[in-house]
N, C-alpha and C. Protein backbone atom coordinates (compact mmCIF):
# COMPACT_ATOMS: atom_id res chain seq x y z
N MET A 1 10.67 -39.55 -9.47
CA MET A 1 9.96 -39.46 -8.34
C MET A 1 10.08 -38.23 -7.36
N GLN A 2 11.43 -38.35 -6.78
CA GLN A 2 12.00 -37.28 -6.22
C GLN A 2 11.41 -35.91 -7.07
N GLU A 3 11.77 -35.52 -8.63
CA GLU A 3 11.62 -34.90 -9.33
C GLU A 3 10.15 -33.87 -9.21
N ASP A 4 8.98 -35.15 -8.95
CA ASP A 4 7.61 -34.59 -8.77
C ASP A 4 7.21 -34.12 -7.61
N ARG A 5 8.14 -34.47 -6.24
CA ARG A 5 7.97 -34.40 -5.42
C ARG A 5 8.12 -32.96 -5.21
N VAL A 6 9.29 -32.49 -5.56
CA VAL A 6 9.97 -31.06 -5.77
C VAL A 6 8.94 -30.17 -6.45
N LYS A 7 8.34 -30.96 -7.71
CA LYS A 7 7.40 -29.32 -8.40
C LYS A 7 5.97 -29.41 -7.28
N SER A 8 5.79 -30.72 -6.94
CA SER A 8 4.55 -30.16 -6.20
C SER A 8 4.72 -29.39 -5.11
N LEU A 9 6.14 -29.45 -4.37
CA LEU A 9 6.58 -28.52 -3.05
C LEU A 9 6.18 -26.98 -3.86
N PHE A 10 6.69 -26.75 -5.12
CA PHE A 10 6.53 -25.81 -5.86
C PHE A 10 5.24 -25.02 -5.50
N LYS A 11 4.23 -26.48 -6.27
CA LYS A 11 3.18 -25.96 -6.71
C LYS A 11 2.13 -25.40 -5.37
N LYS A 12 2.77 -25.21 -3.85
CA LYS A 12 1.97 -24.90 -3.07
C LYS A 12 2.08 -23.43 -2.87
N PRO A 13 0.82 -23.29 -2.53
CA PRO A 13 0.73 -21.28 -1.89
C PRO A 13 1.93 -20.99 -1.28
N ALA A 14 1.79 -22.12 0.24
CA ALA A 14 2.70 -21.29 1.00
C ALA A 14 4.11 -21.51 0.53
N VAL A 15 4.55 -22.15 0.10
CA VAL A 15 5.92 -22.59 -0.37
C VAL A 15 6.69 -21.14 -1.55
N ARG A 16 5.11 -20.68 -2.50
CA ARG A 16 5.84 -19.68 -3.08
C ARG A 16 5.51 -18.57 -2.63
N SER A 17 4.75 -18.16 -1.64
CA SER A 17 4.70 -17.56 -1.16
C SER A 17 6.16 -16.83 -0.36
N ALA A 18 6.50 -17.85 0.25
CA ALA A 18 8.02 -18.38 1.38
C ALA A 18 9.08 -17.73 0.24
N MET A 19 8.94 -18.27 -1.34
CA MET A 19 9.88 -17.63 -1.99
C MET A 19 9.95 -15.97 -2.32
N ILE A 20 8.55 -15.59 -3.03
CA ILE A 20 8.51 -14.88 -3.12
C ILE A 20 8.73 -13.67 -2.35
N PHE A 21 8.69 -14.08 -1.13
CA PHE A 21 9.18 -13.15 0.63
C PHE A 21 10.73 -12.73 -0.21
N VAL A 22 11.16 -14.33 -0.17
CA VAL A 22 12.82 -14.20 0.47
C VAL A 22 13.68 -13.03 -0.84
N ILE A 23 12.55 -13.69 -2.23
CA ILE A 23 13.35 -12.87 -3.26
C ILE A 23 13.09 -11.56 -3.69
N SER A 24 11.75 -11.10 -3.00
CA SER A 24 11.13 -9.62 -3.07
C SER A 24 11.87 -8.64 -1.91
N TYR A 25 12.00 -9.46 -0.75
CA TYR A 25 12.79 -8.48 0.06
C TYR A 25 14.57 -8.05 -0.47
N ALA A 26 14.99 -9.25 -0.63
CA ALA A 26 15.98 -8.87 -1.04
C ALA A 26 16.33 -7.97 -2.40
N LEU A 27 15.71 -7.52 -3.42
CA LEU A 27 14.97 -6.61 -4.38
C LEU A 27 14.22 -5.16 -3.41
N PHE A 28 13.70 -5.49 -2.68
CA PHE A 28 13.31 -4.10 -2.26
C PHE A 28 14.13 -3.26 -1.09
N LEU A 29 15.01 -4.46 -0.26
CA LEU A 29 15.99 -3.65 0.35
C LEU A 29 17.16 -2.80 -0.82
N VAL A 30 17.21 -3.59 -2.00
CA VAL A 30 17.96 -2.98 -2.81
C VAL A 30 17.86 -1.29 -3.50
N LEU A 31 16.80 -1.78 -3.41
CA LEU A 31 15.96 -0.49 -4.00
C LEU A 31 15.35 0.53 -3.10
N TRP A 32 15.31 0.27 -2.11
CA TRP A 32 15.07 0.98 -0.71
C TRP A 32 15.80 2.21 -0.18
N ILE A 33 17.40 1.23 -0.66
CA ILE A 33 18.18 2.29 -0.23
C ILE A 33 18.66 3.41 -1.14
N GLY A 34 18.29 3.06 -2.83
CA GLY A 34 18.05 4.43 -3.54
C GLY A 34 17.43 5.46 -3.17
N ILE A 35 16.13 4.97 -2.54
CA ILE A 35 14.93 5.82 -2.85
C ILE A 35 14.51 6.62 -1.81
N LYS A 36 15.45 5.86 -0.37
CA LYS A 36 14.32 6.43 1.21
C LYS A 36 14.79 7.68 1.28
N ASP A 37 15.97 8.62 1.13
CA ASP A 37 16.58 9.46 1.14
C ASP A 37 15.45 10.81 0.57
N ASN A 38 14.71 10.08 -0.59
CA ASN A 38 13.77 11.18 -1.22
C ASN A 38 12.26 10.97 -0.72
N TYR A 39 12.29 9.51 -0.12
CA TYR A 39 10.91 9.66 0.31
C TYR A 39 10.39 10.30 1.69
N SER A 40 11.89 10.49 2.34
CA SER A 40 11.86 10.68 3.69
C SER A 40 12.01 12.17 3.86
N ARG A 41 12.26 12.43 2.80
CA ARG A 41 12.32 14.15 2.56
C ARG A 41 10.76 14.26 2.27
N ALA A 42 10.51 13.58 1.42
CA ALA A 42 9.07 14.28 1.36
C ALA A 42 8.10 14.20 2.24
N LEU A 43 8.01 13.03 3.04
CA LEU A 43 7.15 13.13 3.75
C LEU A 43 7.34 13.83 5.51
N THR A 44 8.69 14.07 5.31
CA THR A 44 8.85 15.33 6.84
C THR A 44 8.44 16.52 5.88
N GLY A 45 8.04 16.40 4.57
CA GLY A 45 7.94 18.07 4.52
C GLY A 45 6.31 17.81 4.99
N VAL A 46 5.36 16.78 4.81
CA VAL A 46 3.85 16.85 4.34
C VAL A 46 4.00 16.74 6.39
N ALA A 47 4.87 16.38 7.14
CA ALA A 47 4.29 16.00 8.76
C ALA A 47 4.76 17.62 9.30
N THR A 48 5.80 18.06 8.34
CA THR A 48 6.06 19.56 9.40
C THR A 48 5.11 20.57 8.78
N TYR A 49 4.24 20.41 7.27
CA TYR A 49 3.04 20.96 7.06
C TYR A 49 2.12 21.02 8.19
N PHE A 50 1.97 19.51 8.50
CA PHE A 50 0.76 19.64 9.59
C PHE A 50 1.41 19.96 11.24
N ILE A 51 2.53 19.70 11.48
CA ILE A 51 2.80 20.59 12.52
C ILE A 51 2.97 22.04 12.78
N THR A 52 2.94 22.67 11.80
CA THR A 52 3.36 23.89 11.99
C THR A 52 1.77 24.45 11.83
N ALA A 53 0.83 23.90 11.27
CA ALA A 53 -0.78 23.88 11.46
C ALA A 53 -1.27 24.06 12.60
N VAL A 54 -1.07 22.80 14.10
CA VAL A 54 -0.91 22.53 14.83
C VAL A 54 -0.39 23.83 15.72
N LYS A 55 1.00 23.55 15.86
CA LYS A 55 1.80 24.43 16.80
C LYS A 55 2.14 25.89 16.53
N ASP A 56 2.47 26.68 17.49
CA ASP A 56 2.15 27.94 17.04
C ASP A 56 3.35 28.21 16.32
N VAL A 57 3.78 27.63 15.51
CA VAL A 57 5.19 28.32 15.17
C VAL A 57 5.28 28.30 12.68
N ASP A 58 6.23 28.99 12.68
CA ASP A 58 6.57 28.77 11.00
C ASP A 58 7.93 28.04 10.82
N LEU A 59 7.65 27.47 9.32
CA LEU A 59 8.98 26.76 8.92
C LEU A 59 9.91 27.93 8.58
N HIS A 60 11.13 27.28 8.91
CA HIS A 60 12.01 28.67 8.67
C HIS A 60 12.78 28.12 7.25
N GLU A 61 13.62 26.54 7.52
CA GLU A 61 14.13 25.92 6.52
C GLU A 61 13.97 24.60 6.86
N THR A 62 14.75 23.57 6.01
CA THR A 62 15.18 22.46 5.94
C THR A 62 16.32 22.26 5.48
N THR A 63 17.09 21.35 6.07
CA THR A 63 18.58 20.63 5.67
C THR A 63 18.57 19.40 5.70
N VAL A 64 19.40 19.18 4.81
CA VAL A 64 19.38 17.33 4.58
C VAL A 64 20.87 17.10 5.07
N LYS A 65 21.26 16.26 5.88
CA LYS A 65 22.91 15.83 5.94
C LYS A 65 22.93 14.17 6.36
N LYS A 66 22.92 13.45 5.58
CA LYS A 66 23.07 11.78 4.93
C LYS A 66 21.69 11.56 5.74
N ASP A 67 21.81 10.70 6.87
CA ASP A 67 20.02 10.56 7.42
C ASP A 67 19.12 11.57 8.21
N VAL A 68 19.57 12.41 8.31
CA VAL A 68 19.14 13.59 9.24
C VAL A 68 18.58 14.53 8.90
N ILE A 69 17.47 14.61 9.19
CA ILE A 69 16.68 16.24 8.22
C ILE A 69 16.53 16.78 9.23
N THR A 70 17.39 17.87 9.37
CA THR A 70 16.93 19.16 10.27
C THR A 70 16.05 20.14 10.16
N VAL A 71 14.60 20.19 10.99
CA VAL A 71 13.88 21.43 10.27
C VAL A 71 13.57 22.38 11.30
N SER A 72 13.88 23.31 10.88
CA SER A 72 14.14 24.56 11.92
C SER A 72 12.41 25.58 12.01
N PHE A 73 12.57 25.78 12.81
CA PHE A 73 11.11 26.09 13.38
C PHE A 73 11.29 27.96 14.15
N ILE A 74 10.25 28.38 13.80
CA ILE A 74 10.21 29.77 14.25
C ILE A 74 9.11 30.25 14.96
N PRO A 75 8.83 30.15 16.37
CA PRO A 75 7.90 30.52 17.38
C PRO A 75 7.37 31.72 16.75
N LYS A 76 5.71 31.85 16.49
CA LYS A 76 5.21 33.01 15.53
C LYS A 76 5.13 34.54 16.91
N ARG A 77 5.21 33.57 18.16
CA ARG A 77 5.17 34.89 19.01
C ARG A 77 6.67 35.94 19.24
N HIS A 78 7.65 35.24 19.28
CA HIS A 78 9.06 35.38 19.03
C HIS A 78 9.82 35.26 17.62
N ARG A 79 9.50 36.13 16.93
CA ARG A 79 10.10 36.12 15.36
C ARG A 79 11.78 36.54 16.04
N ALA A 80 11.91 37.10 16.25
CA ALA A 80 12.81 38.13 16.20
C ALA A 80 14.54 36.85 15.91
N ASN A 81 14.85 36.23 17.01
CA ASN A 81 16.36 35.30 17.06
C ASN A 81 16.12 34.34 17.50
N VAL A 82 14.97 33.90 17.44
CA VAL A 82 14.70 32.25 17.73
C VAL A 82 14.34 31.56 16.77
N ILE A 83 15.20 30.03 16.73
CA ILE A 83 15.38 29.36 15.79
C ILE A 83 14.98 28.29 16.75
N ILE A 84 13.95 27.17 16.42
CA ILE A 84 14.38 25.59 17.23
C ILE A 84 14.51 24.85 15.70
N ASP A 85 15.92 24.05 16.07
CA ASP A 85 16.32 22.98 15.36
C ASP A 85 15.54 21.72 15.96
N ILE A 86 15.02 21.12 15.17
CA ILE A 86 14.72 19.67 15.32
C ILE A 86 15.10 18.56 14.37
N ASP A 87 15.84 17.59 14.81
CA ASP A 87 16.41 16.70 14.18
C ASP A 87 15.53 15.26 13.63
N VAL A 88 14.93 15.27 12.71
CA VAL A 88 14.45 13.97 12.45
C VAL A 88 15.60 12.74 11.61
N VAL A 89 15.55 11.77 12.04
CA VAL A 89 16.72 10.87 11.24
C VAL A 89 15.81 9.47 11.33
N ALA A 90 15.99 9.73 9.64
CA ALA A 90 15.11 8.99 8.69
C ALA A 90 15.15 7.87 9.04
N SER A 91 16.16 6.63 8.75
CA SER A 91 16.21 5.38 9.34
C SER A 91 15.49 4.70 10.55
N SER A 92 14.80 5.89 11.34
CA SER A 92 14.24 5.99 12.82
C SER A 92 12.56 5.26 11.83
N TYR A 93 12.10 5.75 10.89
CA TYR A 93 10.93 5.12 10.74
C TYR A 93 10.96 4.25 9.63
N THR A 94 11.86 4.47 8.81
CA THR A 94 12.18 3.48 7.30
C THR A 94 12.55 2.13 7.48
N PHE A 95 13.00 1.87 8.57
CA PHE A 95 14.15 0.71 8.24
C PHE A 95 12.93 -0.72 8.42
N ASN A 96 11.95 -0.25 8.46
CA ASN A 96 11.12 -1.42 8.17
C ASN A 96 10.74 -1.72 6.70
N ALA A 97 10.39 -0.91 6.15
CA ALA A 97 10.00 -0.24 4.98
C ALA A 97 9.96 -1.82 4.10
N PRO A 98 11.47 -2.20 3.76
CA PRO A 98 11.49 -3.63 2.45
C PRO A 98 11.07 -4.72 3.06
N LEU A 99 10.90 -4.38 4.52
CA LEU A 99 10.39 -5.89 5.11
C LEU A 99 9.08 -6.20 4.74
N SER A 100 8.18 -4.58 5.23
CA SER A 100 7.03 -4.30 4.85
C SER A 100 6.08 -5.05 3.64
N PHE A 101 7.11 -4.25 2.74
CA PHE A 101 7.06 -4.44 1.11
C PHE A 101 7.18 -5.77 0.69
N ALA A 102 7.85 -6.52 1.54
CA ALA A 102 8.74 -8.00 1.09
C ALA A 102 7.12 -8.87 1.49
N ILE A 103 6.44 -8.57 2.77
CA ILE A 103 5.53 -9.36 3.32
C ILE A 103 3.95 -8.96 2.25
N MET A 104 3.97 -7.55 1.35
CA MET A 104 2.98 -7.34 0.58
C MET A 104 3.12 -8.11 -0.11
N ALA A 105 4.21 -8.47 -1.00
CA ALA A 105 4.38 -9.36 -2.09
C ALA A 105 4.14 -10.64 -1.49
N ALA A 106 4.31 -11.20 -0.89
CA ALA A 106 4.40 -12.46 -0.39
C ALA A 106 2.72 -12.98 -0.36
N PHE A 107 2.13 -12.11 0.01
CA PHE A 107 0.64 -12.22 -0.05
C PHE A 107 0.05 -12.11 -1.37
N TYR A 108 0.85 -12.13 -2.87
CA TYR A 108 0.50 -11.64 -4.18
C TYR A 108 -0.52 -13.09 -4.02
N PRO A 109 0.14 -13.93 -3.82
CA PRO A 109 -1.01 -14.97 -4.61
C PRO A 109 -2.25 -15.36 -4.22
N PHE A 110 -2.91 -14.50 -2.82
CA PHE A 110 -3.96 -14.69 -1.80
C PHE A 110 -4.90 -13.95 -1.96
N LEU A 111 -4.61 -12.52 -3.25
CA LEU A 111 -5.11 -11.38 -2.97
C LEU A 111 -5.77 -11.43 -4.70
N LYS A 112 -7.19 -11.26 -4.90
CA LYS A 112 -7.56 -10.86 -6.17
C LYS A 112 -7.84 -9.67 -6.44
N LYS A 113 -8.15 -8.92 -5.07
CA LYS A 113 -8.86 -7.63 -5.47
C LYS A 113 -7.47 -6.89 -4.92
N LYS A 114 -6.90 -6.14 -6.02
CA LYS A 114 -5.50 -5.66 -5.70
C LYS A 114 -5.80 -4.36 -5.36
N ARG A 115 -6.77 -3.83 -5.05
CA ARG A 115 -7.01 -2.57 -4.37
C ARG A 115 -6.53 -2.51 -2.80
N VAL A 116 -6.20 -3.54 -2.62
CA VAL A 116 -5.93 -3.69 -1.13
C VAL A 116 -4.05 -3.02 -1.07
N TYR A 117 -3.57 -3.18 -2.10
CA TYR A 117 -2.60 -2.88 -2.02
C TYR A 117 -2.43 -1.45 -1.81
N ILE A 118 -3.60 -0.54 -2.37
CA ILE A 118 -3.41 1.03 -2.30
C ILE A 118 -3.50 1.20 -0.81
N GLU A 119 -4.62 0.11 -0.12
CA GLU A 119 -4.77 0.53 1.32
C GLU A 119 -3.78 0.08 2.23
N VAL A 120 -2.90 -0.73 1.74
CA VAL A 120 -1.69 -0.85 2.60
C VAL A 120 -0.59 0.14 2.25
N LEU A 121 -0.24 0.59 1.15
CA LEU A 121 0.51 1.56 1.36
C LEU A 121 -0.02 3.03 1.61
N SER A 122 -1.43 2.77 1.70
CA SER A 122 -1.86 4.45 2.32
C SER A 122 -1.40 4.41 4.29
N ILE A 123 -1.92 3.11 4.53
CA ILE A 123 -1.49 2.64 5.70
C ILE A 123 0.05 2.95 6.51
N LEU A 124 0.69 2.32 5.29
CA LEU A 124 2.11 2.82 5.72
C LEU A 124 2.85 4.47 5.54
N LEU A 125 2.10 4.93 5.00
CA LEU A 125 2.40 6.26 4.43
C LEU A 125 1.73 7.08 5.81
N ILE A 126 0.66 7.02 6.12
CA ILE A 126 -0.16 7.54 7.10
C ILE A 126 0.71 7.20 8.76
N VAL A 127 1.54 5.80 8.76
CA VAL A 127 2.03 5.77 9.79
C VAL A 127 3.41 6.40 9.75
N HIS A 128 3.97 6.73 8.49
CA HIS A 128 5.41 7.42 8.65
C HIS A 128 4.88 8.83 9.16
N ILE A 129 3.98 9.31 8.20
CA ILE A 129 3.44 10.49 8.62
C ILE A 129 3.42 10.87 9.97
N LEU A 130 2.36 9.84 10.81
CA LEU A 130 2.48 10.34 12.30
C LEU A 130 3.90 10.22 12.94
N TYR A 131 4.38 9.46 12.61
CA TYR A 131 5.55 8.97 13.34
C TYR A 131 6.22 10.82 13.64
N VAL A 132 6.87 10.99 11.99
CA VAL A 132 7.31 12.52 11.95
C VAL A 132 6.68 13.58 12.39
N PHE A 133 5.20 13.27 12.36
CA PHE A 133 4.35 14.49 12.98
C PHE A 133 4.83 14.26 14.35
N SER A 134 4.77 12.98 14.89
CA SER A 134 4.28 12.88 16.42
C SER A 134 5.91 13.74 17.41
N SER A 135 6.79 13.27 16.70
CA SER A 135 8.08 12.86 16.81
C SER A 135 8.60 14.86 16.81
N GLU A 136 8.33 15.40 16.07
CA GLU A 136 8.10 16.90 15.60
C GLU A 136 8.06 17.99 16.93
N GLY A 137 6.16 17.25 16.98
CA GLY A 137 5.48 17.32 17.99
C GLY A 137 5.87 17.68 19.58
N GLU A 138 6.76 16.55 19.83
CA GLU A 138 7.20 16.32 21.21
C GLU A 138 8.36 16.57 21.56
N LYS A 139 8.98 17.21 20.40
CA LYS A 139 10.32 17.50 20.78
C LYS A 139 10.17 18.96 20.60
N LEU A 140 9.14 19.84 20.02
CA LEU A 140 8.82 21.33 19.77
C LEU A 140 8.22 21.55 21.32
N THR A 141 7.62 20.75 21.68
CA THR A 141 6.48 21.26 23.36
C THR A 141 7.21 21.16 24.08
N GLY A 142 8.75 20.41 24.37
CA GLY A 142 9.20 20.34 25.15
C GLY A 142 10.65 21.28 25.18
N LEU A 143 11.05 21.74 23.75
CA LEU A 143 12.12 22.82 24.22
C LEU A 143 11.12 24.44 24.42
N MET A 144 10.23 24.43 23.56
CA MET A 144 9.08 25.67 23.45
C MET A 144 8.50 25.96 25.08
N VAL A 145 8.18 24.70 25.87
CA VAL A 145 8.19 24.87 27.14
C VAL A 145 9.14 25.28 27.91
N ASP A 146 10.32 24.61 27.82
CA ASP A 146 12.00 24.35 28.53
C ASP A 146 12.38 26.42 28.21
N ARG A 147 12.30 26.82 27.20
CA ARG A 147 12.51 27.93 26.60
C ARG A 147 11.81 29.37 27.16
N GLY A 148 10.33 28.82 27.39
CA GLY A 148 9.40 29.76 28.04
C GLY A 148 8.56 30.59 26.50
N TYR A 149 8.29 29.67 25.51
CA TYR A 149 8.13 30.19 24.41
C TYR A 149 6.59 29.52 24.66
N GLU A 150 5.95 28.67 25.03
CA GLU A 150 4.70 28.31 25.38
C GLU A 150 4.39 28.09 26.63
N GLU A 151 3.39 28.16 27.44
CA GLU A 151 2.66 28.21 28.26
C GLU A 151 3.16 26.24 28.94
N THR A 152 3.54 26.16 30.02
CA THR A 152 3.87 25.17 30.97
C THR A 152 2.32 24.36 30.96
N GLY A 153 2.27 23.29 30.55
CA GLY A 153 1.08 22.62 30.44
C GLY A 153 1.30 21.01 30.28
N LYS A 154 1.26 20.14 31.87
CA LYS A 154 1.67 18.86 31.81
C LYS A 154 0.46 18.14 30.80
N LEU A 155 -0.25 18.48 31.18
CA LEU A 155 -1.34 17.43 30.49
C LEU A 155 -0.84 17.65 28.62
N LYS A 156 -0.43 18.68 28.19
CA LYS A 156 -0.29 18.92 26.78
C LYS A 156 1.38 18.18 26.57
N THR A 157 2.19 18.54 27.66
CA THR A 157 3.47 17.58 27.85
C THR A 157 3.33 15.91 27.21
N ALA A 158 2.42 15.86 28.43
CA ALA A 158 2.16 14.40 28.84
C ALA A 158 1.27 13.63 27.38
N PHE A 159 0.28 14.49 26.96
CA PHE A 159 -0.10 13.83 25.85
C PHE A 159 1.09 13.57 24.31
N TRP A 160 1.65 14.49 24.28
CA TRP A 160 2.54 14.63 23.29
C TRP A 160 3.74 13.22 23.38
N GLN A 161 4.25 13.15 24.58
CA GLN A 161 5.34 12.04 24.89
C GLN A 161 4.36 11.09 24.74
N PHE A 162 3.11 10.77 25.20
CA PHE A 162 2.55 9.49 24.93
C PHE A 162 2.47 9.16 23.69
N PHE A 163 1.61 10.32 22.81
CA PHE A 163 1.65 10.13 21.30
C PHE A 163 2.90 9.64 20.75
N TRP A 164 4.15 10.32 20.89
CA TRP A 164 4.99 9.86 19.93
C TRP A 164 5.34 8.53 20.49
N GLY A 165 5.47 8.20 21.64
CA GLY A 165 5.92 7.34 22.24
C GLY A 165 5.46 5.81 21.88
N PHE A 166 4.09 5.95 21.58
CA PHE A 166 2.93 5.32 20.83
C PHE A 166 3.16 5.00 19.41
N VAL A 167 3.19 5.78 18.78
CA VAL A 167 3.91 5.61 17.51
C VAL A 167 5.13 5.00 17.46
N ASP A 168 6.33 5.51 18.10
CA ASP A 168 7.98 5.13 17.71
C ASP A 168 7.82 3.44 18.86
N ASN A 169 6.90 3.25 19.42
CA ASN A 169 7.01 1.86 20.30
C ASN A 169 5.99 1.10 19.90
N MET A 170 5.24 1.44 19.17
CA MET A 170 4.01 0.67 19.03
C MET A 170 4.12 0.12 17.59
N MET A 171 3.33 1.39 16.51
CA MET A 171 3.26 1.29 15.50
C MET A 171 4.47 0.98 14.53
N ILE A 172 5.36 1.67 14.55
CA ILE A 172 6.99 2.01 13.73
C ILE A 172 7.44 0.28 14.19
N ARG A 173 7.44 -0.07 15.15
CA ARG A 173 8.22 -0.99 15.48
C ARG A 173 7.35 -2.67 14.39
N PHE A 174 6.09 -2.47 15.25
CA PHE A 174 5.33 -3.86 14.37
C PHE A 174 4.12 -3.49 13.00
N GLU A 175 5.24 -2.21 12.61
CA GLU A 175 4.51 -2.14 11.20
C GLU A 175 4.50 -3.24 10.38
N PRO A 176 5.35 -3.69 10.01
CA PRO A 176 5.36 -5.18 8.95
C PRO A 176 4.38 -5.96 9.58
N PHE A 177 4.10 -6.68 10.75
CA PHE A 177 3.12 -7.29 11.09
C PHE A 177 1.65 -6.62 11.07
N LEU A 178 1.60 -5.17 11.33
CA LEU A 178 0.00 -4.87 11.25
C LEU A 178 0.04 -4.58 10.05
N LEU A 179 0.61 -4.27 8.77
CA LEU A 179 0.27 -4.53 7.99
C LEU A 179 0.14 -5.96 6.88
N GLY A 180 1.06 -7.22 7.38
CA GLY A 180 0.39 -8.57 7.22
C GLY A 180 -0.73 -9.08 7.98
N ALA A 181 -1.01 -8.70 9.15
CA ALA A 181 -2.40 -8.62 9.65
C ALA A 181 -3.46 -8.24 8.62
N TYR A 182 -2.91 -7.08 8.47
CA TYR A 182 -4.07 -6.74 7.74
C TYR A 182 -4.39 -7.40 5.87
N LEU A 183 -3.39 -7.40 5.21
CA LEU A 183 -3.54 -8.11 4.08
C LEU A 183 -4.00 -9.77 4.69
N TYR A 184 -3.75 -10.31 5.34
CA TYR A 184 -4.77 -11.75 5.77
C TYR A 184 -5.71 -11.67 6.21
N PHE A 185 -6.23 -10.67 7.15
CA PHE A 185 -7.97 -10.57 7.07
C PHE A 185 -8.75 -9.42 5.57
N ARG A 186 -7.74 -9.07 5.04
CA ARG A 186 -8.48 -8.32 3.95
C ARG A 186 -8.43 -9.87 2.44
N ARG A 187 -7.52 -10.66 2.99
CA ARG A 187 -7.37 -11.96 1.53
C ARG A 187 -9.24 -12.37 1.44
N ASP A 188 -8.88 -12.65 -0.23
CA ASP A 188 -9.82 -13.71 -0.40
C ASP A 188 -10.08 -14.94 -0.36
N LYS A 189 -11.29 -15.19 0.43
CA LYS A 189 -11.09 -16.77 1.36
C LYS A 189 -12.04 -17.32 -0.23
């Protein structure tokens, strides 16, 4: 009788989902440690491409030291001896990824349309690219205004500070819950 209760307990979707979550979190954590550096380098490259299109800078070089990716920019107007280094700490925006993947795995029993995972992974990539883009933009704006390479503008500075602050404090911190909510509302009823 006790054995039947245990078997029936494991047939419940919520229990199966919880078990999938716990097991997949451990697996994704181990896997993520191995691929995080390559992932963060690629995303930093994409975000840096976009920031050079928006700001008046060219990419000089990118160097990697453990968890920190240093991106060096040259302002287009002052090509001579001016290099601005911006540090991007990969773990600042990738720390929630294993948790996000585990939440995605936990929703597997509830989703019939698996293309939702492509949508969720796209959201995750966009959030991470926005983090690097807004971080580089905020730091570049501050440094370039301080050094006189860019016109002083309170609105411009406030925009970049707000944009980076919003992405850092709202989107990155709540990323797993945002993805979980998206999966919950996209589940098949």
